[in-house]
Protein backbone atom coordinates (compact mmCIF):
# COMPACT_ATOMS: atom_id res chain seq x y z
CA MET A 1 42.86 -16.89 38.66
CA ALA A 2 46.01 -18.57 39.95
CA LYS A 3 49.03 -18.41 37.67
CA THR A 4 51.46 -21.21 36.88
CA GLN A 5 54.99 -20.55 35.78
CA LEU A 6 55.98 -22.09 32.46
CA ASN A 7 59.53 -22.01 31.13
CA VAL A 8 59.96 -22.11 27.38
CA ARG A 9 63.13 -22.14 25.29
CA VAL A 10 63.04 -20.43 21.90
CA ASP A 11 65.70 -19.24 19.51
CA GLU A 12 66.84 -15.60 19.74
CA GLY A 13 64.89 -14.56 16.64
CA THR A 14 61.64 -15.88 18.08
CA ALA A 15 62.36 -14.23 21.44
CA ARG A 16 63.10 -10.92 19.71
CA ALA A 17 59.90 -11.15 17.66
CA ALA A 18 57.85 -11.91 20.79
CA ARG A 19 59.33 -8.91 22.60
CA GLU A 20 58.73 -6.60 19.64
CA ARG A 21 55.15 -7.76 19.09
CA ALA A 22 54.33 -7.48 22.79
CA LEU A 23 55.82 -3.98 22.94
CA ALA A 24 53.86 -2.93 19.85
CA ARG A 25 50.66 -4.11 21.54
CA GLY A 26 51.53 -2.42 24.83
CA MET A 27 51.67 -5.64 26.83
CA SER A 28 54.19 -7.87 28.53
CA VAL A 29 55.71 -10.85 26.74
CA ASN A 30 53.92 -13.08 29.26
CA ARG A 31 50.56 -11.53 28.40
CA TYR A 32 51.34 -11.70 24.67
CA ILE A 33 52.15 -15.42 24.85
CA GLU A 34 49.07 -16.04 27.00
CA GLU A 35 46.89 -14.29 24.39
CA LEU A 36 48.41 -16.37 21.58
CA VAL A 37 47.65 -19.60 23.43
CA ARG A 38 44.09 -18.47 24.17
CA GLN A 39 43.56 -17.62 20.51
CA ASP A 40 44.87 -21.03 19.50
CA THR A 41 42.63 -22.84 21.98
CA GLY A 42 39.29 -21.42 20.93
CA GLU A 43 38.95 -17.74 21.70
CA PRO A 44 39.45 -16.31 18.21
CA GLY A 45 35.87 -15.06 18.10
CA ARG A 46 36.45 -12.72 21.02
CA THR A 47 39.71 -11.54 19.52
CA PHE A 48 38.02 -10.90 16.18
CA VAL A 49 35.22 -8.90 17.78
CA GLU A 50 37.71 -6.78 19.74
CA ALA A 51 39.75 -6.13 16.59
CA ALA A 52 36.61 -5.26 14.62
CA ALA A 53 35.50 -2.87 17.36
CA ASP A 54 38.91 -1.19 17.36
CA PHE A 55 38.77 -0.90 13.55
CA MET A 56 35.29 0.65 13.65
CA LYS A 57 36.36 3.10 16.36
CA GLN A 58 39.44 4.09 14.35
CA TYR A 59 37.48 4.69 11.14
CA GLU A 60 34.19 5.84 12.67
CA SER A 61 34.35 9.31 11.11
CA ALA A 62 35.11 7.87 7.66
CA PHE A 63 32.10 5.53 7.88
CA ALA A 64 29.86 8.35 9.10
CA GLU A 65 30.98 10.58 6.27
CA GLU A 66 30.49 7.85 3.67
CA CYS A 67 27.03 6.93 4.94
CA ALA A 68 25.77 10.49 5.51
CA GLY A 69 22.76 11.62 3.61
CA PRO A 70 18.96 11.39 3.70
CA ARG A 71 17.58 8.13 5.00
CA GLY A 72 16.80 5.68 2.25
CA ALA A 73 18.75 7.65 -0.32
CA GLU A 74 21.30 5.87 -2.42
CA PRO A 75 24.86 7.08 -1.86
CA GLU A 76 26.34 9.20 -4.59
CA PRO A 77 28.30 7.03 -7.03
CA ARG A 78 32.03 7.49 -6.91
CA GLU A 79 34.30 6.86 -9.83
CA ASP A 80 36.41 4.32 -7.95
CA ARG A 81 33.34 2.21 -7.06
CA ASP A 82 32.67 1.44 -10.70
CA ARG A 83 36.18 0.25 -11.41
CA PRO A 84 36.94 -3.46 -11.20
């Protein structure tokens, strides 16, 4: 896909935040801004699914441990589950 250059002026605080957020996500500021615009224009579903997949991958062992047991068996009650 062809790229178009877009110049944007923002205050220093916004520029700093964009740089920090992009760095934290391991991407360029250009890519970060592009992703924000895509999210704002109708691609939040894809972003949500990617984030959910990352979450599941990160906590896969915790889910497996929590759901382990004989098929059809109710999980053992934990004290913290019964608390409001």
